[in-house]
N, C-alpha and C. Protein backbone atom coordinates (compact mmCIF):
# COMPACT_ATOMS: atom_id res chain seq x y z
N MET A 1 105.10 -5.49 85.51
CA MET A 1 104.21 -6.40 86.20
C MET A 1 103.28 -5.64 87.12
N ALA A 2 102.06 -6.07 87.17
CA ALA A 2 101.08 -5.45 88.04
C ALA A 2 101.18 -6.01 89.45
N GLU A 3 101.09 -5.12 90.44
CA GLU A 3 101.06 -5.56 91.82
C GLU A 3 99.62 -5.50 92.31
N TYR A 4 99.03 -6.66 92.48
CA TYR A 4 97.63 -6.74 92.88
C TYR A 4 97.48 -6.73 94.39
N THR A 5 96.37 -6.19 94.84
CA THR A 5 96.00 -6.29 96.24
C THR A 5 95.54 -7.72 96.50
N PRO A 6 95.40 -8.12 97.76
CA PRO A 6 94.84 -9.46 98.02
C PRO A 6 93.47 -9.65 97.35
N PHE A 7 92.65 -8.60 97.35
CA PHE A 7 91.35 -8.68 96.66
C PHE A 7 91.57 -8.87 95.16
N GLY A 8 92.45 -8.09 94.56
CA GLY A 8 92.73 -8.20 93.13
C GLY A 8 93.26 -9.57 92.76
N PHE A 9 94.12 -10.12 93.61
CA PHE A 9 94.66 -11.46 93.37
C PHE A 9 93.55 -12.50 93.43
N SER A 10 92.62 -12.35 94.38
CA SER A 10 91.49 -13.27 94.49
C SER A 10 90.61 -13.22 93.25
N VAL A 11 90.38 -12.01 92.75
CA VAL A 11 89.55 -11.83 91.55
C VAL A 11 90.24 -12.49 90.35
N LYS A 12 91.53 -12.20 90.15
CA LYS A 12 92.24 -12.77 89.00
C LYS A 12 92.29 -14.29 89.09
N THR A 13 92.46 -14.82 90.28
CA THR A 13 92.48 -16.28 90.47
C THR A 13 91.12 -16.88 90.13
N LYS A 14 90.06 -16.23 90.59
CA LYS A 14 88.69 -16.73 90.33
C LYS A 14 88.39 -16.70 88.83
N LEU A 15 88.90 -15.70 88.12
CA LEU A 15 88.66 -15.61 86.68
C LEU A 15 89.31 -16.76 85.90
N LEU A 16 90.33 -17.36 86.49
CA LEU A 16 91.01 -18.48 85.81
C LEU A 16 90.14 -19.72 85.75
N GLY A 17 89.12 -19.78 86.62
CA GLY A 17 88.11 -20.80 86.50
C GLY A 17 88.33 -22.03 87.34
N PRO A 18 87.63 -23.08 87.07
CA PRO A 18 86.63 -23.20 86.01
C PRO A 18 85.28 -22.62 86.40
N PRO A 19 84.49 -22.15 85.53
CA PRO A 19 84.81 -21.85 84.13
C PRO A 19 85.69 -20.61 84.05
N ALA A 20 86.51 -20.55 83.05
CA ALA A 20 87.42 -19.42 82.87
C ALA A 20 86.69 -18.24 82.24
N TYR A 21 86.98 -17.06 82.77
CA TYR A 21 86.41 -15.82 82.26
C TYR A 21 87.53 -14.82 82.03
N THR A 22 87.26 -13.79 81.25
CA THR A 22 88.24 -12.74 81.01
C THR A 22 87.91 -11.53 81.88
N GLN A 23 88.89 -10.65 82.01
CA GLN A 23 88.65 -9.41 82.74
C GLN A 23 87.61 -8.57 82.00
N GLU A 24 87.62 -8.63 80.69
CA GLU A 24 86.63 -7.87 79.90
C GLU A 24 85.21 -8.38 80.19
N TRP A 25 85.06 -9.69 80.32
CA TRP A 25 83.76 -10.25 80.69
C TRP A 25 83.31 -9.70 82.04
N LEU A 26 84.25 -9.66 83.00
CA LEU A 26 83.92 -9.14 84.33
C LEU A 26 83.54 -7.66 84.26
N CYS A 27 84.23 -6.90 83.44
CA CYS A 27 83.89 -5.47 83.27
C CYS A 27 82.45 -5.33 82.77
N ASN A 28 82.10 -6.10 81.76
CA ASN A 28 80.75 -6.03 81.19
C ASN A 28 79.70 -6.48 82.20
N ALA A 29 79.96 -7.55 82.92
CA ALA A 29 79.01 -8.05 83.91
C ALA A 29 78.84 -7.05 85.06
N THR A 30 79.93 -6.43 85.48
CA THR A 30 79.87 -5.44 86.55
C THR A 30 79.13 -4.19 86.09
N ALA A 31 79.39 -3.75 84.88
CA ALA A 31 78.70 -2.58 84.34
C ALA A 31 77.20 -2.84 84.25
N LYS A 32 76.83 -4.02 83.81
CA LYS A 32 75.42 -4.38 83.71
C LYS A 32 74.76 -4.43 85.08
N ASP A 33 75.47 -4.97 86.08
CA ASP A 33 74.93 -5.10 87.42
C ASP A 33 74.79 -3.75 88.13
N THR A 34 75.76 -2.85 87.94
CA THR A 34 75.76 -1.58 88.67
C THR A 34 75.15 -0.42 87.90
N GLY A 35 75.11 -0.53 86.58
CA GLY A 35 74.65 0.59 85.77
C GLY A 35 75.73 1.65 85.57
N LEU A 36 76.95 1.33 86.00
CA LEU A 36 78.08 2.25 85.87
C LEU A 36 79.00 1.80 84.74
N LYS A 37 79.75 2.74 84.18
CA LYS A 37 80.74 2.39 83.16
C LYS A 37 81.94 1.77 83.86
N VAL A 38 82.26 0.55 83.51
CA VAL A 38 83.43 -0.14 84.07
C VAL A 38 84.22 -0.71 82.90
N ASP A 39 85.34 -0.06 82.59
CA ASP A 39 86.18 -0.57 81.50
C ASP A 39 87.41 -1.26 82.08
N SER A 40 88.23 -1.82 81.21
CA SER A 40 89.37 -2.62 81.65
C SER A 40 90.39 -1.78 82.44
N ALA A 41 90.60 -0.53 82.05
CA ALA A 41 91.55 0.33 82.76
C ALA A 41 91.06 0.61 84.18
N TYR A 42 89.77 0.88 84.31
CA TYR A 42 89.19 1.13 85.63
C TYR A 42 89.24 -0.13 86.50
N MET A 43 88.96 -1.27 85.89
CA MET A 43 89.02 -2.54 86.62
C MET A 43 90.45 -2.79 87.11
N SER A 44 91.44 -2.52 86.29
CA SER A 44 92.84 -2.69 86.70
C SER A 44 93.18 -1.81 87.89
N LYS A 45 92.67 -0.59 87.90
CA LYS A 45 92.91 0.32 89.03
C LYS A 45 92.27 -0.22 90.31
N ILE A 46 91.13 -0.85 90.18
CA ILE A 46 90.47 -1.44 91.35
C ILE A 46 91.30 -2.63 91.86
N LEU A 47 91.75 -3.47 90.96
CA LEU A 47 92.48 -4.68 91.35
C LEU A 47 93.87 -4.39 91.91
N THR A 48 94.41 -3.21 91.59
CA THR A 48 95.72 -2.83 92.13
C THR A 48 95.61 -1.85 93.30
N GLY A 49 94.40 -1.54 93.71
CA GLY A 49 94.19 -0.69 94.88
C GLY A 49 94.26 0.80 94.64
N GLN A 50 94.31 1.23 93.39
CA GLN A 50 94.35 2.65 93.09
C GLN A 50 92.97 3.30 93.22
N ARG A 51 91.94 2.50 93.08
CA ARG A 51 90.55 2.95 93.27
C ARG A 51 89.83 1.91 94.12
N THR A 52 88.90 2.37 94.97
CA THR A 52 88.15 1.43 95.83
C THR A 52 86.66 1.79 95.86
N PRO A 53 85.99 1.74 94.71
CA PRO A 53 84.56 2.05 94.67
C PRO A 53 83.72 0.92 95.27
N ARG A 54 83.09 1.20 96.38
CA ARG A 54 82.36 0.16 97.13
C ARG A 54 81.30 -0.54 96.28
N LYS A 55 80.53 0.21 95.53
CA LYS A 55 79.44 -0.37 94.73
C LYS A 55 79.99 -1.37 93.70
N VAL A 56 81.07 -1.01 93.05
CA VAL A 56 81.67 -1.88 92.03
C VAL A 56 82.30 -3.11 92.69
N ILE A 57 82.98 -2.91 93.80
CA ILE A 57 83.62 -4.02 94.50
C ILE A 57 82.58 -5.03 95.00
N LEU A 58 81.49 -4.54 95.55
CA LEU A 58 80.43 -5.45 96.00
C LEU A 58 79.82 -6.20 94.83
N SER A 59 79.70 -5.54 93.69
CA SER A 59 79.19 -6.20 92.49
C SER A 59 80.14 -7.31 92.03
N ILE A 60 81.43 -7.03 92.03
CA ILE A 60 82.42 -8.03 91.65
C ILE A 60 82.31 -9.25 92.57
N CYS A 61 82.19 -8.99 93.86
CA CYS A 61 82.07 -10.07 94.83
C CYS A 61 80.82 -10.91 94.57
N LYS A 62 79.73 -10.24 94.25
CA LYS A 62 78.48 -10.95 93.97
C LYS A 62 78.61 -11.80 92.71
N ILE A 63 79.17 -11.23 91.66
CA ILE A 63 79.30 -11.92 90.38
C ILE A 63 80.21 -13.14 90.49
N LEU A 64 81.33 -12.99 91.21
CA LEU A 64 82.30 -14.07 91.32
C LEU A 64 82.13 -14.92 92.57
N ASP A 65 81.11 -14.63 93.36
CA ASP A 65 80.84 -15.37 94.60
C ASP A 65 82.06 -15.34 95.53
N LEU A 66 82.56 -14.13 95.77
CA LEU A 66 83.68 -13.91 96.68
C LEU A 66 83.17 -13.23 97.95
N PRO A 67 83.84 -13.44 99.08
CA PRO A 67 83.44 -12.72 100.31
C PRO A 67 83.79 -11.24 100.19
N GLU A 68 83.05 -10.40 100.90
CA GLU A 68 83.33 -8.96 100.89
C GLU A 68 84.73 -8.73 101.47
N PRO A 69 85.57 -7.98 100.77
CA PRO A 69 86.94 -7.77 101.24
C PRO A 69 87.02 -6.77 102.38
N THR A 70 88.07 -6.89 103.19
CA THR A 70 88.34 -5.91 104.23
C THR A 70 89.09 -4.74 103.59
N GLN A 71 89.24 -3.65 104.34
CA GLN A 71 89.97 -2.50 103.83
C GLN A 71 91.42 -2.88 103.51
N ASP A 72 92.03 -3.72 104.34
CA ASP A 72 93.40 -4.17 104.08
C ASP A 72 93.50 -4.97 102.78
N ASP A 73 92.47 -5.77 102.49
CA ASP A 73 92.46 -6.55 101.25
C ASP A 73 92.42 -5.66 100.02
N LEU A 74 91.85 -4.45 100.18
CA LEU A 74 91.69 -3.54 99.04
C LEU A 74 92.91 -2.67 98.80
N LEU A 75 93.71 -2.43 99.83
CA LEU A 75 94.79 -1.46 99.70
C LEU A 75 96.19 -2.05 99.73
N ALA A 76 96.39 -3.14 100.45
CA ALA A 76 97.73 -3.71 100.60
C ALA A 76 98.17 -4.36 99.31
N ARG A 77 99.29 -3.93 98.77
CA ARG A 77 99.81 -4.54 97.55
C ARG A 77 100.82 -5.60 97.92
N LYS A 78 100.44 -6.84 97.70
CA LYS A 78 101.30 -7.95 98.10
C LYS A 78 101.59 -8.92 96.96
N GLN A 79 100.64 -9.10 96.09
CA GLN A 79 100.73 -10.15 95.08
C GLN A 79 101.17 -9.58 93.75
N THR A 80 102.17 -10.17 93.15
CA THR A 80 102.65 -9.76 91.83
C THR A 80 102.37 -10.88 90.84
N ILE A 81 101.79 -10.51 89.72
CA ILE A 81 101.53 -11.51 88.67
C ILE A 81 102.39 -11.14 87.48
């Protein structure tokens, strides 16, 4: 089971919808918005706090209409799915 950060949990919850989206859709939308390669493995590392790329995180927030996370939201592993 993956242990998501509070930010990762918020992202996964938002993807459930409505409308429902997949993590792959978010990867593609983020890559298009940032111009960076964002694949599913990299996205998983972001959602579990193993990576914290500011540009990608801000793009995710913009795409999903989420507030900008705090440092604690990005690193603290609290939520298990």
